[in-house]
Amino acid sequence: MNIGIASERAGLPPKTIRYYEDIGLLRPARTDNGYRDYSAADIHRLRFLQRARSLGFSVDECRQLLSLYRDRNRESADVKAIAEAKLAEIDRKIAELASLRHALRHLVEHCSGDERPDCPIIDELAGEGMVQ
């Protein structure tokens, strides 16, 4: 099937499919005239990649997961280790965002938001304030 049909079936834009091919995550067959010819297995891999990316896995992590997927002698511990590392990264990012939210909320709560020029938000951005 051509890239348009593959795109429809996989739920990915053609540009993303071409990118996955360029970086070696996908190797569709080529017709005699050089056009890409996507198989059902290619569509399955594209859906696999789409789901992995939607869970936040990086391209390199997707490469590892695809390799493990293809390896019928894999150990589930290897897959779990990748997922646990991603989960730890997500937890770290959530903690960082919570800290940022707390700091910004503090600044917003202490800004009078009136006609006076005094503003703890501006002071903090200028390095003159102190976030608590």
C-alpha atoms as a PDB file:
ATOM      1  CA  MET A   1       0.000   0.000   0.000  1.00  0.00           C
ATOM      2  CA  ASN A   2       1.151   3.564  -0.599  1.00  0.00           C
ATOM      3  CA  ILE A   3       2.010   6.102   2.083  1.00  0.00           C
ATOM      4  CA  GLY A   4      -1.407   7.752   1.940  1.00  0.00           C
ATOM      5  CA  ILE A   5      -3.205   4.524   2.783  1.00  0.00           C
ATOM      6  CA  ALA A   6      -0.550   3.605   5.347  1.00  0.00           C
ATOM      7  CA  SER A   7      -1.006   7.019   6.935  1.00  0.00           C
ATOM      8  CA  GLU A   8      -4.763   6.525   7.154  1.00  0.00           C
ATOM      9  CA  ARG A   9      -4.499   3.025   8.614  1.00  0.00           C
ATOM     10  CA  ALA A  10      -1.768   3.901  11.103  1.00  0.00           C
ATOM     11  CA  GLY A  11      -3.270   7.224  12.127  1.00  0.00           C
ATOM     12  CA  LEU A  12      -0.011   9.060  11.506  1.00  0.00           C
ATOM     13  CA  PRO A  13       0.848  11.855   9.064  1.00  0.00           C
ATOM     14  CA  PRO A  14       2.936  10.852   6.035  1.00  0.00           C
ATOM     15  CA  LYS A  15       5.676  13.201   7.262  1.00  0.00           C
ATOM     16  CA  THR A  16       5.988  11.203  10.499  1.00  0.00           C
ATOM     17  CA  ILE A  17       6.081   7.930   8.590  1.00  0.00           C
ATOM     18  CA  ARG A  18       8.852   9.262   6.337  1.00  0.00           C
ATOM     19  CA  TYR A  19      10.742  10.465   9.431  1.00  0.00           C
ATOM     20  CA  TYR A  20      10.512   7.008  11.017  1.00  0.00           C
ATOM     21  CA  GLU A  21      11.880   5.569   7.801  1.00  0.00           C
ATOM     22  CA  ASP A  22      14.695   8.162   7.638  1.00  0.00           C
ATOM     23  CA  ILE A  23      15.862   7.286  11.164  1.00  0.00           C
ATOM     24  CA  GLY A  24      15.615   3.552  10.577  1.00  0.00           C
ATOM     25  CA  LEU A  25      12.587   2.661  12.693  1.00  0.00           C
ATOM     26  CA  LEU A  26      10.754   1.418   9.625  1.00  0.00           C
ATOM     27  CA  ARG A  27      11.995  -0.139   6.390  1.00  0.00           C
ATOM     28  CA  PRO A  28       9.136  -0.520   3.930  1.00  0.00           C
ATOM     29  CA  ALA A  29       9.668  -2.444   0.729  1.00  0.00           C
ATOM     30  CA  ARG A  30      10.098  -0.512  -2.494  1.00  0.00           C
ATOM     31  CA  THR A  31       8.316  -1.161  -5.748  1.00  0.00           C
ATOM     32  CA  ASP A  32      10.242  -1.493  -9.002  1.00  0.00           C
ATOM     33  CA  ASN A  33       9.706   2.213  -9.657  1.00  0.00           C
ATOM     34  CA  GLY A  34      11.026   3.157  -6.177  1.00  0.00           C
ATOM     35  CA  TYR A  35       7.756   3.916  -4.397  1.00  0.00           C
ATOM     36  CA  ARG A  36       7.339   2.825  -0.808  1.00  0.00           C
ATOM     37  CA  ASP A  37       5.144  -0.242  -0.411  1.00  0.00           C
ATOM     38  CA  TYR A  38       3.851  -0.601   3.151  1.00  0.00           C
ATOM     39  CA  SER A  39       2.790  -4.000   4.432  1.00  0.00           C
ATOM     40  CA  ALA A  40       0.355  -4.924   7.187  1.00  0.00           C
ATOM     41  CA  ALA A  41       3.400  -5.570   9.400  1.00  0.00           C
ATOM     42  CA  ASP A  42       4.620  -2.004   8.708  1.00  0.00           C
ATOM     43  CA  ILE A  43       1.235  -0.644   9.769  1.00  0.00           C
ATOM     44  CA  HIS A  44       1.427  -2.716  12.947  1.00  0.00           C
ATOM     45  CA  ARG A  45       4.901  -1.283  13.710  1.00  0.00           C
ATOM     46  CA  LEU A  46       3.640   2.250  13.022  1.00  0.00           C
ATOM     47  CA  ARG A  47       0.761   1.763  15.453  1.00  0.00           C
ATOM     48  CA  PHE A  48       3.202   0.336  17.983  1.00  0.00           C
ATOM     49  CA  LEU A  49       5.354   3.452  17.595  1.00  0.00           C
ATOM     50  CA  GLN A  50       2.339   5.739  17.838  1.00  0.00           C
ATOM     51  CA  ARG A  51       1.223   4.153  21.115  1.00  0.00           C
ATOM     52  CA  ALA A  52       4.759   4.208  22.525  1.00  0.00           C
ATOM     53  CA  ARG A  53       5.219   7.865  21.585  1.00  0.00           C
ATOM     54  CA  SER A  54       1.831   8.750  23.112  1.00  0.00           C
ATOM     55  CA  LEU A  55       3.109   7.289  26.397  1.00  0.00           C
ATOM     56  CA  GLY A  56       6.083   9.625  26.226  1.00  0.00           C
ATOM     57  CA  PHE A  57       8.772   7.233  25.044  1.00  0.00           C
ATOM     58  CA  SER A  58      11.577   8.913  23.104  1.00  0.00           C
ATOM     59  CA  VAL A  59      12.612   7.796  19.640  1.00  0.00           C
ATOM     60  CA  ASP A  60      15.599   5.935  21.118  1.00  0.00           C
ATOM     61  CA  GLU A  61      13.377   4.247  23.684  1.00  0.00           C
ATOM     62  CA  CYS A  62      10.981   3.297  20.873  1.00  0.00           C
ATOM     63  CA  ARG A  63      13.928   1.798  19.004  1.00  0.00           C
ATOM     64  CA  GLN A  64      14.761  -0.305  22.065  1.00  0.00           C
ATOM     65  CA  LEU A  65      11.135  -1.327  22.561  1.00  0.00           C
ATOM     66  CA  LEU A  66      10.777  -2.312  18.899  1.00  0.00           C
ATOM     67  CA  SER A  67      13.924  -4.379  19.157  1.00  0.00           C
ATOM     68  CA  LEU A  68      12.562  -6.123  22.238  1.00  0.00           C
ATOM     69  CA  TYR A  69       9.208  -6.602  20.528  1.00  0.00           C
ATOM     70  CA  ARG A  70      10.913  -8.402  17.645  1.00  0.00           C
ATOM     71  CA  ASP A  71      13.041 -10.524  20.003  1.00  0.00           C
ATOM     72  CA  ARG A  72      10.931 -13.540  20.969  1.00  0.00           C
ATOM     73  CA  ASN A  73      13.630 -14.500  23.508  1.00  0.00           C
ATOM     74  CA  ARG A  74      13.377 -11.166  25.308  1.00  0.00           C
ATOM     75  CA  GLU A  75      12.986 -10.930  29.025  1.00  0.00           C
ATOM     76  CA  SER A  76      10.023  -8.916  30.194  1.00  0.00           C
ATOM     77  CA  ALA A  77      12.370  -7.451  32.816  1.00  0.00           C
ATOM     78  CA  ASP A  78      14.127  -5.564  30.011  1.00  0.00           C
ATOM     79  CA  VAL A  79      10.853  -4.046  28.838  1.00  0.00           C
ATOM     80  CA  LYS A  80       9.813  -3.257  32.398  1.00  0.00           C
ATOM     81  CA  ALA A  81      13.138  -1.506  33.072  1.00  0.00           C
ATOM     82  CA  ILE A  82      12.545   0.854  30.141  1.00  0.00           C
ATOM     83  CA  ALA A  83       8.995   1.570  31.311  1.00  0.00           C
ATOM     84  CA  GLU A  84      10.112   2.106  34.916  1.00  0.00           C
ATOM     85  CA  ALA A  85      12.795   4.555  33.786  1.00  0.00           C
ATOM     86  CA  LYS A  86      10.170   6.474  31.775  1.00  0.00           C
ATOM     87  CA  LEU A  87       7.828   6.486  34.768  1.00  0.00           C
ATOM     88  CA  ALA A  88      10.597   7.868  37.004  1.00  0.00           C
ATOM     89  CA  GLU A  89      11.288  10.584  34.417  1.00  0.00           C
ATOM     90  CA  ILE A  90       7.591  11.506  34.289  1.00  0.00           C
ATOM     91  CA  ASP A  91       7.425  11.618  38.107  1.00  0.00           C
ATOM     92  CA  ARG A  92      10.477  13.912  38.165  1.00  0.00           C
ATOM     93  CA  LYS A  93       8.880  16.236  35.604  1.00  0.00           C
ATOM     94  CA  ILE A  94       5.631  16.307  37.569  1.00  0.00           C
ATOM     95  CA  ALA A  95       7.548  17.260  40.719  1.00  0.00           C
ATOM     96  CA  GLU A  96       9.354  20.034  38.818  1.00  0.00           C
ATOM     97  CA  LEU A  97       6.065  21.357  37.448  1.00  0.00           C
ATOM     98  CA  ALA A  98       4.471  21.239  40.891  1.00  0.00           C
ATOM     99  CA  SER A  99       7.373  23.277  42.248  1.00  0.00           C
ATOM    100  CA  LEU A 100       7.044  25.819  39.435  1.00  0.00           C
ATOM    101  CA  ARG A 101       3.307  26.015  40.021  1.00  0.00           C
ATOM    102  CA  HIS A 102       3.849  26.647  43.726  1.00  0.00           C
ATOM    103  CA  ALA A 103       6.390  29.414  43.066  1.00  0.00           C
ATOM    104  CA  LEU A 104       4.222  31.129  40.456  1.00  0.00           C
ATOM    105  CA  ARG A 105       1.096  30.819  42.607  1.00  0.00           C
ATOM    106  CA  HIS A 106       2.999  32.467  45.475  1.00  0.00           C
ATOM    107  CA  LEU A 107       3.994  35.380  43.229  1.00  0.00           C
ATOM    108  CA  VAL A 108       0.475  35.789  41.848  1.00  0.00           C
ATOM    109  CA  GLU A 109      -1.042  35.735  45.330  1.00  0.00           C
ATOM    110  CA  HIS A 110       1.365  38.441  46.505  1.00  0.00           C
ATOM    111  CA  CYS A 111       0.843  40.761  43.566  1.00  0.00           C
ATOM    112  CA  SER A 112      -1.853  43.306  44.273  1.00  0.00           C
ATOM    113  CA  GLY A 113      -2.712  43.580  40.598  1.00  0.00           C
ATOM    114  CA  ASP A 114      -3.745  47.205  40.937  1.00  0.00           C
ATOM    115  CA  GLU A 115      -2.629  50.521  39.452  1.00  0.00           C
ATOM    116  CA  ARG A 116       0.563  50.678  41.536  1.00  0.00           C
ATOM    117  CA  PRO A 117       3.872  49.813  39.827  1.00  0.00           C
ATOM    118  CA  ASP A 118       5.078  47.561  42.665  1.00  0.00           C
ATOM    119  CA  CYS A 119       4.911  43.968  41.469  1.00  0.00           C
ATOM    120  CA  PRO A 120       6.549  40.929  43.092  1.00  0.00           C
ATOM    121  CA  ILE A 121       6.286  39.035  39.809  1.00  0.00           C
ATOM    122  CA  ILE A 122       8.406  41.625  37.974  1.00  0.00           C
ATOM    123  CA  ASP A 123      10.757  41.847  40.956  1.00  0.00           C
ATOM    124  CA  GLU A 124      11.301  38.076  40.898  1.00  0.00           C
ATOM    125  CA  LEU A 125      11.860  38.011  37.144  1.00  0.00           C
ATOM    126  CA  ALA A 126      14.368  40.843  37.515  1.00  0.00           C
ATOM    127  CA  GLY A 127      16.161  38.897  40.257  1.00  0.00           C
ATOM    128  CA  GLU A 128      15.175  41.387  42.924  1.00  0.00           C
ATOM    129  CA  GLY A 129      12.495  39.322  44.638  1.00  0.00           C
ATOM    130  CA  MET A 130      12.531  36.119  46.532  1.00  0.00           C
ATOM    131  CA  VAL A 131      10.250  33.151  45.796  1.00  0.00           C
ATOM    132  CA  GLN A 132       9.117  31.295  48.894  1.00  0.00           C
END
